[in-house]
Amino acid sequence: ENASSYEFYQSRKNILPFLDQSLTRLKKHRIDWQRLSPEERAEFPQIATLIRSSQESINKILVMDRENEQLLLRRGLLPPNKLPPAQQQRPHFVADLYRRNLGK
């Protein structure tokens, strides 16, 4: 079971940078969207909702991933040399990430 847990951990680790890039792109699109005139935005009111919803979904995935990683660590299913970086051990890491990517 440790081998399959580690393989899952590795595949998950490879996906996380793509999620971070997606959040960065969404933030840029949101800024571009907000620069449009109110009249232009009124033509497609669902876009703001879709951008916000996408950002929230990615952030939820990141939070769940963090919780899963902590669970794996507590159960000893991750090798000690594969511990997450020190910055992720900060208690408000996910909240800071969420705030940074929502631009608030």
N, C-alpha and C. Protein backbone atom coordinates (compact mmCIF):
# COMPACT_ATOMS: atom_id res chain seq x y z
N GLU A 1 0.82 -1.20 0.00
CA GLU A 1 0.00 0.00 0.00
C GLU A 1 0.86 1.26 0.00
N ASN A 2 2.02 1.23 0.66
CA ASN A 2 2.90 2.39 0.67
C ASN A 2 3.36 2.75 -0.73
N ALA A 3 3.63 1.74 -1.56
CA ALA A 3 4.08 2.01 -2.93
C ALA A 3 2.98 2.70 -3.74
N SER A 4 1.74 2.23 -3.63
CA SER A 4 0.65 2.86 -4.38
C SER A 4 0.36 4.26 -3.83
N SER A 5 0.48 4.45 -2.52
CA SER A 5 0.28 5.77 -1.93
C SER A 5 1.34 6.74 -2.44
N TYR A 6 2.57 6.24 -2.52
CA TYR A 6 3.65 7.10 -3.00
C TYR A 6 3.47 7.44 -4.48
N GLU A 7 3.03 6.47 -5.28
CA GLU A 7 2.78 6.74 -6.70
C GLU A 7 1.68 7.79 -6.86
N PHE A 8 0.64 7.67 -6.05
CA PHE A 8 -0.44 8.66 -6.09
C PHE A 8 0.11 10.03 -5.68
N TYR A 9 0.92 10.05 -4.64
CA TYR A 9 1.53 11.29 -4.17
C TYR A 9 2.34 11.95 -5.28
N GLN A 10 3.12 11.15 -6.00
CA GLN A 10 3.95 11.68 -7.10
C GLN A 10 3.08 12.23 -8.23
N SER A 11 2.05 11.51 -8.63
CA SER A 11 1.20 11.98 -9.73
C SER A 11 0.46 13.25 -9.32
N ARG A 12 0.03 13.29 -8.09
CA ARG A 12 -0.65 14.46 -7.55
C ARG A 12 0.31 15.65 -7.54
N LYS A 13 1.53 15.40 -7.13
CA LYS A 13 2.55 16.44 -7.06
C LYS A 13 2.80 17.04 -8.45
N ASN A 14 2.70 16.24 -9.49
CA ASN A 14 2.91 16.72 -10.85
C ASN A 14 1.75 17.58 -11.36
N ILE A 15 0.57 17.39 -10.82
CA ILE A 15 -0.61 18.14 -11.26
C ILE A 15 -0.70 19.51 -10.59
N LEU A 16 -0.22 19.61 -9.37
CA LEU A 16 -0.37 20.86 -8.62
C LEU A 16 0.18 22.10 -9.33
N PRO A 17 1.33 22.04 -10.00
CA PRO A 17 1.79 23.24 -10.71
C PRO A 17 0.81 23.70 -11.79
N PHE A 18 0.12 22.78 -12.43
CA PHE A 18 -0.87 23.15 -13.44
C PHE A 18 -2.05 23.88 -12.80
N LEU A 19 -2.45 23.45 -11.61
CA LEU A 19 -3.52 24.14 -10.92
C LEU A 19 -3.11 25.56 -10.54
N ASP A 20 -1.88 25.70 -10.08
CA ASP A 20 -1.38 27.03 -9.73
C ASP A 20 -1.33 27.93 -10.96
N GLN A 21 -0.89 27.37 -12.09
CA GLN A 21 -0.86 28.14 -13.34
C GLN A 21 -2.28 28.52 -13.77
N SER A 22 -3.22 27.62 -13.57
CA SER A 22 -4.61 27.91 -13.92
C SER A 22 -5.14 29.07 -13.09
N LEU A 23 -4.83 29.07 -11.80
CA LEU A 23 -5.26 30.18 -10.96
C LEU A 23 -4.65 31.50 -11.42
N THR A 24 -3.40 31.46 -11.81
CA THR A 24 -2.73 32.67 -12.29
C THR A 24 -3.41 33.18 -13.56
N ARG A 25 -3.70 32.27 -14.48
CA ARG A 25 -4.38 32.66 -15.72
C ARG A 25 -5.78 33.20 -15.46
N LEU A 26 -6.49 32.55 -14.55
CA LEU A 26 -7.84 33.02 -14.22
C LEU A 26 -7.80 34.43 -13.62
N LYS A 27 -6.82 34.67 -12.78
CA LYS A 27 -6.68 36.00 -12.19
C LYS A 27 -6.47 37.04 -13.29
N LYS A 28 -5.61 36.71 -14.27
CA LYS A 28 -5.36 37.63 -15.39
C LYS A 28 -6.65 37.86 -16.19
N HIS A 29 -7.38 36.79 -16.46
CA HIS A 29 -8.65 36.93 -17.20
C HIS A 29 -9.65 37.78 -16.42
N ARG A 30 -9.68 37.58 -15.11
CA ARG A 30 -10.60 38.36 -14.27
C ARG A 30 -10.24 39.84 -14.34
N ILE A 31 -8.94 40.16 -14.28
CA ILE A 31 -8.50 41.55 -14.38
C ILE A 31 -8.87 42.13 -15.75
N ASP A 32 -8.62 41.36 -16.81
CA ASP A 32 -9.00 41.81 -18.17
C ASP A 32 -10.50 42.04 -18.26
N TRP A 33 -11.26 41.13 -17.67
CA TRP A 33 -12.72 41.23 -17.68
C TRP A 33 -13.17 42.50 -16.97
N GLN A 34 -12.56 42.79 -15.84
CA GLN A 34 -12.94 43.96 -15.06
C GLN A 34 -12.57 45.27 -15.76
N ARG A 35 -11.63 45.22 -16.68
CA ARG A 35 -11.24 46.42 -17.43
C ARG A 35 -12.25 46.77 -18.52
N LEU A 36 -13.09 45.83 -18.89
CA LEU A 36 -14.10 46.11 -19.91
C LEU A 36 -15.13 47.09 -19.35
N SER A 37 -15.78 47.78 -20.24
CA SER A 37 -16.82 48.72 -19.80
C SER A 37 -18.00 47.93 -19.23
N PRO A 38 -18.76 48.56 -18.37
CA PRO A 38 -19.95 47.89 -17.81
C PRO A 38 -20.91 47.40 -18.90
N GLU A 39 -20.98 48.16 -19.99
CA GLU A 39 -21.87 47.76 -21.09
C GLU A 39 -21.39 46.45 -21.73
N GLU A 40 -20.07 46.37 -21.94
CA GLU A 40 -19.52 45.14 -22.54
C GLU A 40 -19.72 43.94 -21.60
N ARG A 41 -19.49 44.14 -20.31
CA ARG A 41 -19.67 43.05 -19.35
C ARG A 41 -21.13 42.64 -19.25
N ALA A 42 -22.03 43.60 -19.43
CA ALA A 42 -23.47 43.29 -19.34
C ALA A 42 -23.93 42.35 -20.44
N GLU A 43 -23.20 42.32 -21.54
CA GLU A 43 -23.55 41.41 -22.64
C GLU A 43 -23.35 39.94 -22.27
N PHE A 44 -22.41 39.69 -21.34
CA PHE A 44 -22.09 38.32 -20.94
C PHE A 44 -21.98 38.24 -19.41
N PRO A 45 -23.08 38.39 -18.71
CA PRO A 45 -23.03 38.44 -17.24
C PRO A 45 -22.53 37.14 -16.59
N GLN A 46 -22.64 36.04 -17.29
CA GLN A 46 -22.24 34.75 -16.72
C GLN A 46 -20.72 34.60 -16.61
N ILE A 47 -19.96 35.41 -17.33
CA ILE A 47 -18.50 35.26 -17.33
C ILE A 47 -17.92 35.52 -15.94
N ALA A 48 -18.35 36.57 -15.27
CA ALA A 48 -17.84 36.87 -13.93
C ALA A 48 -18.11 35.70 -12.99
N THR A 49 -19.30 35.14 -13.09
CA THR A 49 -19.66 34.00 -12.25
C THR A 49 -18.80 32.79 -12.57
N LEU A 50 -18.55 32.54 -13.84
CA LEU A 50 -17.72 31.41 -14.24
C LEU A 50 -16.27 31.56 -13.77
N ILE A 51 -15.74 32.76 -13.87
CA ILE A 51 -14.37 33.00 -13.42
C ILE A 51 -14.29 32.76 -11.91
N ARG A 52 -15.21 33.34 -11.16
CA ARG A 52 -15.22 33.18 -9.71
C ARG A 52 -15.41 31.72 -9.32
N SER A 53 -16.32 31.05 -9.97
CA SER A 53 -16.59 29.64 -9.69
C SER A 53 -15.36 28.78 -9.98
N SER A 54 -14.68 29.07 -11.07
CA SER A 54 -13.47 28.30 -11.42
C SER A 54 -12.38 28.52 -10.38
N GLN A 55 -12.19 29.76 -9.96
CA GLN A 55 -11.18 30.04 -8.94
C GLN A 55 -11.52 29.34 -7.64
N GLU A 56 -12.76 29.38 -7.25
CA GLU A 56 -13.18 28.73 -6.00
C GLU A 56 -12.99 27.21 -6.09
N SER A 57 -13.30 26.64 -7.24
CA SER A 57 -13.14 25.18 -7.41
C SER A 57 -11.68 24.76 -7.30
N ILE A 58 -10.80 25.51 -7.95
CA ILE A 58 -9.38 25.17 -7.88
C ILE A 58 -8.88 25.32 -6.45
N ASN A 59 -9.30 26.38 -5.78
CA ASN A 59 -8.88 26.56 -4.39
C ASN A 59 -9.39 25.44 -3.49
N LYS A 60 -10.61 24.98 -3.73
CA LYS A 60 -11.13 23.85 -2.95
C LYS A 60 -10.30 22.60 -3.18
N ILE A 61 -9.89 22.38 -4.42
CA ILE A 61 -9.03 21.23 -4.73
C ILE A 61 -7.72 21.34 -3.97
N LEU A 62 -7.14 22.53 -3.95
CA LEU A 62 -5.89 22.73 -3.23
C LEU A 62 -6.05 22.49 -1.73
N VAL A 63 -7.16 22.93 -1.17
CA VAL A 63 -7.42 22.69 0.26
C VAL A 63 -7.58 21.20 0.53
N MET A 64 -8.35 20.52 -0.30
CA MET A 64 -8.54 19.07 -0.12
C MET A 64 -7.22 18.34 -0.28
N ASP A 65 -6.41 18.76 -1.23
CA ASP A 65 -5.10 18.14 -1.42
C ASP A 65 -4.24 18.30 -0.17
N ARG A 66 -4.26 19.47 0.38
CA ARG A 66 -3.48 19.74 1.60
C ARG A 66 -3.96 18.85 2.74
N GLU A 67 -5.27 18.71 2.89
CA GLU A 67 -5.82 17.86 3.93
C GLU A 67 -5.45 16.39 3.70
N ASN A 68 -5.51 15.95 2.46
CA ASN A 68 -5.13 14.57 2.14
C ASN A 68 -3.65 14.32 2.42
N GLU A 69 -2.82 15.29 2.09
CA GLU A 69 -1.40 15.15 2.35
C GLU A 69 -1.15 15.02 3.85
N GLN A 70 -1.82 15.82 4.64
CA GLN A 70 -1.67 15.74 6.10
C GLN A 70 -2.11 14.38 6.62
N LEU A 71 -3.20 13.86 6.07
CA LEU A 71 -3.68 12.54 6.47
C LEU A 71 -2.65 11.46 6.13
N LEU A 72 -2.10 11.52 4.93
CA LEU A 72 -1.07 10.55 4.53
C LEU A 72 0.15 10.64 5.45
N LEU A 73 0.54 11.86 5.80
CA LEU A 73 1.68 12.03 6.69
C LEU A 73 1.39 11.44 8.07
N ARG A 74 0.20 11.72 8.59
CA ARG A 74 -0.16 11.20 9.92
C ARG A 74 -0.20 9.68 9.96
N ARG A 75 -0.60 9.07 8.85
CA ARG A 75 -0.70 7.61 8.80
C ARG A 75 0.63 6.96 8.39
N GLY A 76 1.63 7.78 8.15
CA GLY A 76 2.94 7.24 7.77
C GLY A 76 2.98 6.66 6.38
N LEU A 77 2.11 7.13 5.50
CA LEU A 77 2.05 6.60 4.14
C LEU A 77 2.93 7.37 3.16
N LEU A 78 3.57 8.43 3.64
CA LEU A 78 4.53 9.14 2.82
C LEU A 78 5.91 8.96 3.43
N PRO A 79 6.90 8.65 2.62
CA PRO A 79 8.25 8.53 3.15
C PRO A 79 8.71 9.86 3.75
N PRO A 80 9.47 9.83 4.84
CA PRO A 80 9.91 11.07 5.48
C PRO A 80 10.67 12.01 4.54
N ASN A 81 11.39 11.47 3.57
CA ASN A 81 12.13 12.34 2.66
C ASN A 81 11.22 13.01 1.63
N LYS A 82 9.94 12.71 1.66
CA LYS A 82 8.98 13.31 0.72
C LYS A 82 8.03 14.27 1.43
N LEU A 83 8.43 14.78 2.58
CA LEU A 83 7.61 15.72 3.31
C LEU A 83 7.41 16.99 2.48
N PRO A 84 6.28 17.66 2.66
CA PRO A 84 6.03 18.89 1.90
C PRO A 84 7.01 19.99 2.30
N PRO A 85 7.18 20.99 1.44
CA PRO A 85 8.08 22.09 1.76
C PRO A 85 7.64 22.80 3.03
N ALA A 86 8.59 23.44 3.68
CA ALA A 86 8.32 24.13 4.96
C ALA A 86 7.22 25.17 4.82
N GLN A 87 7.13 25.85 3.67
CA GLN A 87 6.11 26.89 3.52
C GLN A 87 4.70 26.32 3.62
N GLN A 88 4.53 25.05 3.25
CA GLN A 88 3.21 24.45 3.35
C GLN A 88 2.87 24.06 4.78
N GLN A 89 3.83 24.07 5.65
CA GLN A 89 3.57 23.74 7.05
C GLN A 89 3.05 24.95 7.82
N ARG A 90 3.06 26.12 7.18
CA ARG A 90 2.50 27.30 7.83
C ARG A 90 1.00 27.12 7.96
N PRO A 91 0.43 27.48 9.11
CA PRO A 91 -1.00 27.25 9.33
C PRO A 91 -1.91 28.01 8.37
N HIS A 92 -1.47 29.15 7.85
CA HIS A 92 -2.35 29.95 6.99
C HIS A 92 -1.94 29.90 5.53
N PHE A 93 -1.17 28.90 5.15
CA PHE A 93 -0.67 28.80 3.78
C PHE A 93 -1.81 28.79 2.76
N VAL A 94 -2.81 27.95 2.97
CA VAL A 94 -3.92 27.84 2.01
C VAL A 94 -4.74 29.12 1.98
N ALA A 95 -5.00 29.71 3.16
CA ALA A 95 -5.76 30.96 3.20
C ALA A 95 -5.01 32.07 2.46
N ASP A 96 -3.68 32.13 2.66
CA ASP A 96 -2.88 33.13 1.95
C ASP A 96 -2.91 32.89 0.45
N LEU A 97 -2.82 31.63 0.03
CA LEU A 97 -2.87 31.28 -1.37
C LEU A 97 -4.22 31.69 -1.97
N TYR A 98 -5.29 31.41 -1.25
CA TYR A 98 -6.63 31.74 -1.70
C TYR A 98 -6.77 33.25 -1.86
N ARG A 99 -6.33 34.00 -0.85
CA ARG A 99 -6.43 35.46 -0.88
C ARG A 99 -5.58 36.03 -2.03
N ARG A 100 -4.38 35.50 -2.22
CA ARG A 100 -3.50 35.97 -3.29
C ARG A 100 -4.13 35.77 -4.66
N ASN A 101 -4.77 34.63 -4.86
CA ASN A 101 -5.30 34.30 -6.17
C ASN A 101 -6.66 34.93 -6.45
N LEU A 102 -7.32 35.38 -5.42
CA LEU A 102 -8.56 36.10 -5.64
C LEU A 102 -8.31 37.60 -5.71
N GLY A 103 -7.07 37.98 -5.43
CA GLY A 103 -6.70 39.38 -5.55
C GLY A 103 -7.31 40.26 -4.49
N LYS A 104 -7.62 39.68 -3.34
CA LYS A 104 -8.25 40.48 -2.27
C LYS A 104 -7.24 40.81 -1.22
